[in-house]
Amino acid sequence: MPHSYQELKTFLMATAGLKWFSTLDLESGFWQLEMEPKYKEIAAFAFGSALWQFKVMPFGLCNAPATFIRVMNEILKGLLWNICLVFLDDIIVWGKTEEQHSNNFLTVLSRLSQANLKINTKK
């Protein structure tokens, strides 16, 4: 979703006249991204007498949101601002007609599936 006035303006222009919208929520978004080995070491922490490393991207790391957005932008490259928009683990998909929206929705689902990302079907 837009974060600034200019992005809001761009979003409103991109979606003007559209009637069909859907939202998707990624299931535990950050936890679906496996951490690279070198970053596992950097983010490691000691608790008691043990050293712990995250296997997936945890919430709370200062760069986690920016990294997650960068990954999502890469996964949805070419689709953003044309048929969808992403804000962290939420995605909005749109279309002018029901058929166009359905096709756009399936396109986004396909990209997420190719990236092995799961959506929260309960939301």
N, C-alpha and C. Protein backbone atom coordinates (compact mmCIF):
# COMPACT_ATOMS: atom_id res chain seq x y z
N MET A 1 0.85 -1.18 0.00
CA MET A 1 0.00 0.00 0.00
C MET A 1 0.89 1.24 0.00
N PRO A 2 0.34 2.35 -0.43
CA PRO A 2 1.13 3.59 -0.51
C PRO A 2 1.58 4.08 0.86
N HIS A 3 2.78 4.65 0.92
CA HIS A 3 3.31 5.17 2.17
C HIS A 3 3.39 6.69 2.18
N SER A 4 3.31 7.32 1.03
CA SER A 4 3.45 8.76 0.96
C SER A 4 2.31 9.35 0.13
N TYR A 5 2.22 10.67 0.17
CA TYR A 5 1.18 11.34 -0.61
C TYR A 5 1.33 11.01 -2.10
N GLN A 6 2.56 11.05 -2.61
CA GLN A 6 2.78 10.78 -4.04
C GLN A 6 2.39 9.35 -4.39
N GLU A 7 2.74 8.39 -3.53
CA GLU A 7 2.36 7.01 -3.78
C GLU A 7 0.85 6.83 -3.70
N LEU A 8 0.20 7.51 -2.76
CA LEU A 8 -1.25 7.45 -2.67
C LEU A 8 -1.88 7.99 -3.94
N LYS A 9 -1.36 9.10 -4.43
CA LYS A 9 -1.86 9.70 -5.67
C LYS A 9 -1.67 8.72 -6.84
N THR A 10 -0.51 8.09 -6.91
CA THR A 10 -0.24 7.12 -7.97
C THR A 10 -1.17 5.92 -7.86
N PHE A 11 -1.40 5.45 -6.62
CA PHE A 11 -2.32 4.33 -6.40
C PHE A 11 -3.73 4.69 -6.86
N LEU A 12 -4.21 5.86 -6.48
CA LEU A 12 -5.55 6.28 -6.87
C LEU A 12 -5.68 6.41 -8.38
N MET A 13 -4.63 6.89 -9.04
CA MET A 13 -4.66 7.01 -10.50
C MET A 13 -4.63 5.62 -11.14
N ALA A 14 -3.84 4.70 -10.59
CA ALA A 14 -3.73 3.35 -11.15
C ALA A 14 -5.02 2.56 -11.00
N THR A 15 -5.79 2.87 -9.98
CA THR A 15 -7.00 2.09 -9.70
C THR A 15 -8.29 2.83 -10.02
N ALA A 16 -8.18 4.01 -10.61
CA ALA A 16 -9.38 4.80 -10.94
C ALA A 16 -10.28 4.00 -11.88
N GLY A 17 -11.54 3.95 -11.56
CA GLY A 17 -12.52 3.28 -12.40
C GLY A 17 -12.58 1.77 -12.25
N LEU A 18 -11.74 1.22 -11.41
CA LEU A 18 -11.76 -0.23 -11.21
C LEU A 18 -12.84 -0.60 -10.21
N LYS A 19 -13.42 -1.79 -10.40
CA LYS A 19 -14.53 -2.20 -9.54
C LYS A 19 -14.24 -3.47 -8.75
N TRP A 20 -13.22 -4.19 -9.13
CA TRP A 20 -12.95 -5.48 -8.50
C TRP A 20 -11.61 -5.44 -7.77
N PHE A 21 -11.66 -5.75 -6.48
CA PHE A 21 -10.46 -5.74 -5.64
C PHE A 21 -10.48 -6.96 -4.71
N SER A 22 -9.32 -7.49 -4.45
CA SER A 22 -9.15 -8.56 -3.46
C SER A 22 -7.88 -8.29 -2.68
N THR A 23 -7.84 -8.79 -1.47
CA THR A 23 -6.61 -8.69 -0.69
C THR A 23 -6.14 -10.09 -0.31
N LEU A 24 -4.84 -10.22 -0.25
CA LEU A 24 -4.21 -11.47 0.18
C LEU A 24 -3.31 -11.16 1.36
N ASP A 25 -3.24 -12.08 2.28
CA ASP A 25 -2.35 -11.95 3.43
C ASP A 25 -1.42 -13.15 3.43
N LEU A 26 -0.13 -12.90 3.43
CA LEU A 26 0.82 -14.01 3.50
C LEU A 26 0.82 -14.58 4.91
N GLU A 27 0.83 -15.89 5.00
CA GLU A 27 0.82 -16.56 6.29
C GLU A 27 2.19 -16.42 6.95
N SER A 28 2.23 -15.73 8.09
CA SER A 28 3.49 -15.51 8.81
C SER A 28 4.59 -15.09 7.85
N GLY A 29 4.34 -14.01 7.14
CA GLY A 29 5.19 -13.55 6.04
C GLY A 29 6.68 -13.65 6.25
N PHE A 30 7.20 -13.01 7.28
CA PHE A 30 8.64 -12.99 7.50
C PHE A 30 9.18 -14.41 7.70
N TRP A 31 8.41 -15.24 8.38
CA TRP A 31 8.88 -16.58 8.72
C TRP A 31 8.95 -17.50 7.50
N GLN A 32 8.44 -17.06 6.37
CA GLN A 32 8.52 -17.87 5.16
C GLN A 32 9.84 -17.66 4.41
N LEU A 33 10.62 -16.67 4.83
CA LEU A 33 11.89 -16.39 4.17
C LEU A 33 13.03 -17.00 4.96
N GLU A 34 13.72 -17.95 4.35
CA GLU A 34 14.86 -18.59 5.01
C GLU A 34 16.04 -17.63 5.01
N MET A 35 16.72 -17.58 6.14
CA MET A 35 17.89 -16.70 6.24
C MET A 35 19.10 -17.36 5.59
N GLU A 36 19.90 -16.55 4.91
CA GLU A 36 21.15 -17.04 4.33
C GLU A 36 22.13 -17.34 5.46
N PRO A 37 22.99 -18.34 5.27
CA PRO A 37 23.92 -18.74 6.34
C PRO A 37 24.73 -17.60 6.94
N LYS A 38 25.25 -16.69 6.11
CA LYS A 38 26.08 -15.60 6.66
C LYS A 38 25.27 -14.68 7.57
N TYR A 39 23.97 -14.53 7.29
CA TYR A 39 23.13 -13.68 8.12
C TYR A 39 22.67 -14.40 9.38
N LYS A 40 22.60 -15.72 9.31
CA LYS A 40 22.27 -16.50 10.50
C LYS A 40 23.31 -16.24 11.59
N GLU A 41 24.57 -16.18 11.18
CA GLU A 41 25.65 -15.94 12.13
C GLU A 41 25.58 -14.54 12.71
N ILE A 42 25.26 -13.56 11.87
CA ILE A 42 25.19 -12.17 12.32
C ILE A 42 24.05 -11.98 13.32
N ALA A 43 22.93 -12.65 13.08
CA ALA A 43 21.74 -12.48 13.93
C ALA A 43 21.71 -13.46 15.10
N ALA A 44 22.75 -14.27 15.26
CA ALA A 44 22.78 -15.26 16.34
C ALA A 44 22.77 -14.56 17.70
N PHE A 45 22.27 -15.27 18.69
CA PHE A 45 22.23 -14.71 20.05
C PHE A 45 22.47 -15.83 21.06
N ALA A 46 22.96 -15.43 22.21
CA ALA A 46 23.21 -16.39 23.29
C ALA A 46 22.06 -16.34 24.28
N PHE A 47 21.64 -17.51 24.71
CA PHE A 47 20.61 -17.62 25.74
C PHE A 47 21.02 -18.78 26.63
N GLY A 48 21.22 -18.48 27.89
CA GLY A 48 21.74 -19.50 28.79
C GLY A 48 23.15 -19.84 28.36
N SER A 49 23.43 -21.09 28.21
CA SER A 49 24.77 -21.52 27.79
C SER A 49 24.81 -21.92 26.32
N ALA A 50 23.74 -21.62 25.58
CA ALA A 50 23.66 -22.03 24.17
C ALA A 50 23.68 -20.82 23.24
N LEU A 51 24.17 -21.06 22.03
CA LEU A 51 24.15 -20.06 20.97
C LEU A 51 23.03 -20.46 20.01
N TRP A 52 22.14 -19.52 19.73
CA TRP A 52 20.97 -19.80 18.89
C TRP A 52 21.08 -19.01 17.59
N GLN A 53 20.60 -19.63 16.50
CA GLN A 53 20.54 -18.96 15.20
C GLN A 53 19.13 -19.12 14.64
N PHE A 54 18.66 -18.06 14.02
CA PHE A 54 17.36 -18.12 13.35
C PHE A 54 17.50 -18.90 12.05
N LYS A 55 16.52 -19.71 11.73
CA LYS A 55 16.47 -20.39 10.43
C LYS A 55 15.73 -19.53 9.41
N VAL A 56 14.76 -18.77 9.91
CA VAL A 56 13.95 -17.90 9.05
C VAL A 56 14.07 -16.47 9.56
N MET A 57 13.63 -15.53 8.74
CA MET A 57 13.73 -14.12 9.13
C MET A 57 12.79 -13.83 10.30
N PRO A 58 13.35 -13.39 11.41
CA PRO A 58 12.52 -13.09 12.58
C PRO A 58 11.94 -11.67 12.51
N PHE A 59 10.87 -11.47 13.23
CA PHE A 59 10.37 -10.12 13.44
C PHE A 59 11.35 -9.41 14.37
N GLY A 60 11.48 -8.13 14.23
CA GLY A 60 12.29 -7.38 15.17
C GLY A 60 13.66 -6.98 14.69
N LEU A 61 14.19 -7.63 13.66
CA LEU A 61 15.47 -7.18 13.11
C LEU A 61 15.23 -5.87 12.38
N CYS A 62 16.14 -4.93 12.54
CA CYS A 62 15.90 -3.59 11.99
C CYS A 62 15.74 -3.58 10.48
N ASN A 63 16.39 -4.48 9.77
CA ASN A 63 16.29 -4.50 8.31
C ASN A 63 15.28 -5.50 7.78
N ALA A 64 14.60 -6.22 8.65
CA ALA A 64 13.66 -7.25 8.21
C ALA A 64 12.56 -6.70 7.30
N PRO A 65 11.88 -5.61 7.68
CA PRO A 65 10.82 -5.10 6.79
C PRO A 65 11.34 -4.70 5.40
N ALA A 66 12.48 -4.01 5.36
CA ALA A 66 13.04 -3.58 4.07
C ALA A 66 13.45 -4.79 3.23
N THR A 67 14.03 -5.79 3.87
CA THR A 67 14.42 -7.00 3.15
C THR A 67 13.20 -7.73 2.62
N PHE A 68 12.16 -7.83 3.44
CA PHE A 68 10.94 -8.51 3.03
C PHE A 68 10.30 -7.79 1.84
N ILE A 69 10.23 -6.47 1.90
CA ILE A 69 9.66 -5.69 0.79
C ILE A 69 10.48 -5.90 -0.47
N ARG A 70 11.80 -5.90 -0.34
CA ARG A 70 12.67 -6.10 -1.51
C ARG A 70 12.39 -7.47 -2.15
N VAL A 71 12.23 -8.50 -1.34
CA VAL A 71 11.93 -9.84 -1.85
C VAL A 71 10.56 -9.84 -2.53
N MET A 72 9.56 -9.25 -1.89
CA MET A 72 8.22 -9.21 -2.48
C MET A 72 8.21 -8.43 -3.79
N ASN A 73 8.95 -7.33 -3.85
CA ASN A 73 9.03 -6.55 -5.09
C ASN A 73 9.65 -7.38 -6.21
N GLU A 74 10.62 -8.21 -5.88
CA GLU A 74 11.25 -9.06 -6.89
C GLU A 74 10.28 -10.15 -7.36
N ILE A 75 9.57 -10.75 -6.43
CA ILE A 75 8.61 -11.81 -6.76
C ILE A 75 7.49 -11.27 -7.66
N LEU A 76 7.02 -10.07 -7.36
CA LEU A 76 5.88 -9.49 -8.09
C LEU A 76 6.33 -8.48 -9.16
N LYS A 77 7.59 -8.54 -9.52
CA LYS A 77 8.15 -7.63 -10.53
C LYS A 77 7.33 -7.70 -11.83
N GLY A 78 7.01 -6.53 -12.36
CA GLY A 78 6.22 -6.45 -13.58
C GLY A 78 4.72 -6.41 -13.32
N LEU A 79 4.30 -6.83 -12.14
CA LEU A 79 2.88 -6.82 -11.78
C LEU A 79 2.52 -5.62 -10.92
N LEU A 80 3.51 -5.15 -10.14
CA LEU A 80 3.25 -4.05 -9.20
C LEU A 80 2.81 -2.80 -9.94
N TRP A 81 1.81 -2.15 -9.40
CA TRP A 81 1.18 -0.94 -9.92
C TRP A 81 0.39 -1.21 -11.20
N ASN A 82 0.47 -2.42 -11.76
CA ASN A 82 -0.33 -2.76 -12.93
C ASN A 82 -1.56 -3.57 -12.55
N ILE A 83 -1.34 -4.60 -11.72
CA ILE A 83 -2.47 -5.43 -11.28
C ILE A 83 -2.50 -5.64 -9.77
N CYS A 84 -1.44 -5.20 -9.09
CA CYS A 84 -1.39 -5.42 -7.64
C CYS A 84 -0.44 -4.45 -6.98
N LEU A 85 -0.50 -4.43 -5.67
CA LEU A 85 0.39 -3.62 -4.85
C LEU A 85 0.63 -4.39 -3.56
N VAL A 86 1.82 -4.26 -3.01
CA VAL A 86 2.16 -5.01 -1.81
C VAL A 86 2.59 -4.06 -0.70
N PHE A 87 2.16 -4.36 0.52
CA PHE A 87 2.62 -3.65 1.71
C PHE A 87 2.96 -4.71 2.74
N LEU A 88 4.26 -4.94 2.92
CA LEU A 88 4.76 -6.01 3.78
C LEU A 88 4.14 -7.34 3.36
N ASP A 89 3.30 -7.94 4.21
CA ASP A 89 2.75 -9.25 3.85
C ASP A 89 1.31 -9.19 3.36
N ASP A 90 0.85 -8.00 3.00
CA ASP A 90 -0.50 -7.82 2.46
C ASP A 90 -0.40 -7.41 0.99
N ILE A 91 -1.25 -8.00 0.17
CA ILE A 91 -1.25 -7.71 -1.26
C ILE A 91 -2.67 -7.37 -1.68
N ILE A 92 -2.83 -6.30 -2.45
CA ILE A 92 -4.12 -5.97 -3.02
C ILE A 92 -4.03 -6.21 -4.53
N VAL A 93 -5.04 -6.90 -5.06
CA VAL A 93 -5.10 -7.23 -6.49
C VAL A 93 -6.36 -6.59 -7.04
N TRP A 94 -6.28 -6.06 -8.26
CA TRP A 94 -7.44 -5.39 -8.83
C TRP A 94 -7.65 -5.75 -10.30
N GLY A 95 -8.83 -5.39 -10.78
CA GLY A 95 -9.16 -5.58 -12.19
C GLY A 95 -10.37 -4.75 -12.54
N LYS A 96 -10.48 -4.41 -13.81
CA LYS A 96 -11.59 -3.58 -14.27
C LYS A 96 -12.89 -4.39 -14.36
N THR A 97 -12.77 -5.64 -14.77
CA THR A 97 -13.93 -6.53 -14.86
C THR A 97 -13.70 -7.72 -13.94
N GLU A 98 -14.75 -8.47 -13.71
CA GLU A 98 -14.61 -9.66 -12.87
C GLU A 98 -13.63 -10.65 -13.49
N GLU A 99 -13.72 -10.83 -14.81
CA GLU A 99 -12.82 -11.76 -15.50
C GLU A 99 -11.37 -11.29 -15.42
N GLN A 100 -11.14 -10.01 -15.66
CA GLN A 100 -9.78 -9.47 -15.59
C GLN A 100 -9.23 -9.61 -14.17
N HIS A 101 -10.06 -9.29 -13.19
CA HIS A 101 -9.64 -9.43 -11.80
C HIS A 101 -9.29 -10.88 -11.47
N SER A 102 -10.12 -11.80 -11.92
CA SER A 102 -9.87 -13.22 -11.67
C SER A 102 -8.54 -13.65 -12.29
N ASN A 103 -8.28 -13.23 -13.51
CA ASN A 103 -7.00 -13.54 -14.17
C ASN A 103 -5.83 -12.93 -13.42
N ASN A 104 -5.98 -11.67 -13.00
CA ASN A 104 -4.92 -11.00 -12.25
C ASN A 104 -4.65 -11.70 -10.92
N PHE A 105 -5.73 -12.10 -10.26
CA PHE A 105 -5.62 -12.80 -8.98
C PHE A 105 -4.85 -14.11 -9.15
N LEU A 106 -5.19 -14.86 -10.20
CA LEU A 106 -4.50 -16.12 -10.47
C LEU A 106 -3.03 -15.90 -10.83
N THR A 107 -2.75 -14.81 -11.52
CA THR A 107 -1.36 -14.48 -11.87
C THR A 107 -0.55 -14.22 -10.61
N VAL A 108 -1.11 -13.45 -9.68
CA VAL A 108 -0.42 -13.17 -8.42
C VAL A 108 -0.25 -14.46 -7.61
N LEU A 109 -1.30 -15.27 -7.53
CA LEU A 109 -1.19 -16.54 -6.81
C LEU A 109 -0.11 -17.43 -7.41
N SER A 110 -0.01 -17.43 -8.73
CA SER A 110 1.00 -18.23 -9.41
C SER A 110 2.41 -17.78 -9.03
N ARG A 111 2.63 -16.47 -9.01
CA ARG A 111 3.94 -15.93 -8.62
C ARG A 111 4.28 -16.32 -7.18
N LEU A 112 3.30 -16.20 -6.30
CA LEU A 112 3.53 -16.56 -4.90
C LEU A 112 3.85 -18.05 -4.77
N SER A 113 3.13 -18.86 -5.52
CA SER A 113 3.35 -20.31 -5.51
C SER A 113 4.75 -20.66 -6.02
N GLN A 114 5.17 -20.00 -7.10
CA GLN A 114 6.51 -20.24 -7.66
C GLN A 114 7.60 -19.90 -6.63
N ALA A 115 7.31 -18.92 -5.78
CA ALA A 115 8.27 -18.51 -4.74
C ALA A 115 8.09 -19.31 -3.45
N ASN A 116 7.19 -20.31 -3.49
CA ASN A 116 6.90 -21.15 -2.32
C ASN A 116 6.37 -20.35 -1.13
N LEU A 117 5.62 -19.29 -1.42
CA LEU A 117 5.00 -18.50 -0.36
C LEU A 117 3.55 -18.94 -0.19
N LYS A 118 3.13 -19.04 1.05
CA LYS A 118 1.77 -19.47 1.35
C LYS A 118 0.94 -18.29 1.84
N ILE A 119 -0.34 -18.30 1.45
CA ILE A 119 -1.24 -17.24 1.91
C ILE A 119 -2.08 -17.76 3.06
N ASN A 120 -2.55 -16.82 3.85
CA ASN A 120 -3.45 -17.12 4.96
C ASN A 120 -4.86 -17.15 4.40
N THR A 121 -5.43 -18.33 4.25
CA THR A 121 -6.76 -18.46 3.64
C THR A 121 -7.88 -18.08 4.61
N LYS A 122 -7.55 -17.89 5.88
CA LYS A 122 -8.58 -17.56 6.86
C LYS A 122 -8.87 -16.07 6.93
N LYS A 123 -8.03 -15.26 6.29
CA LYS A 123 -8.25 -13.81 6.34
C LYS A 123 -8.96 -13.34 5.10
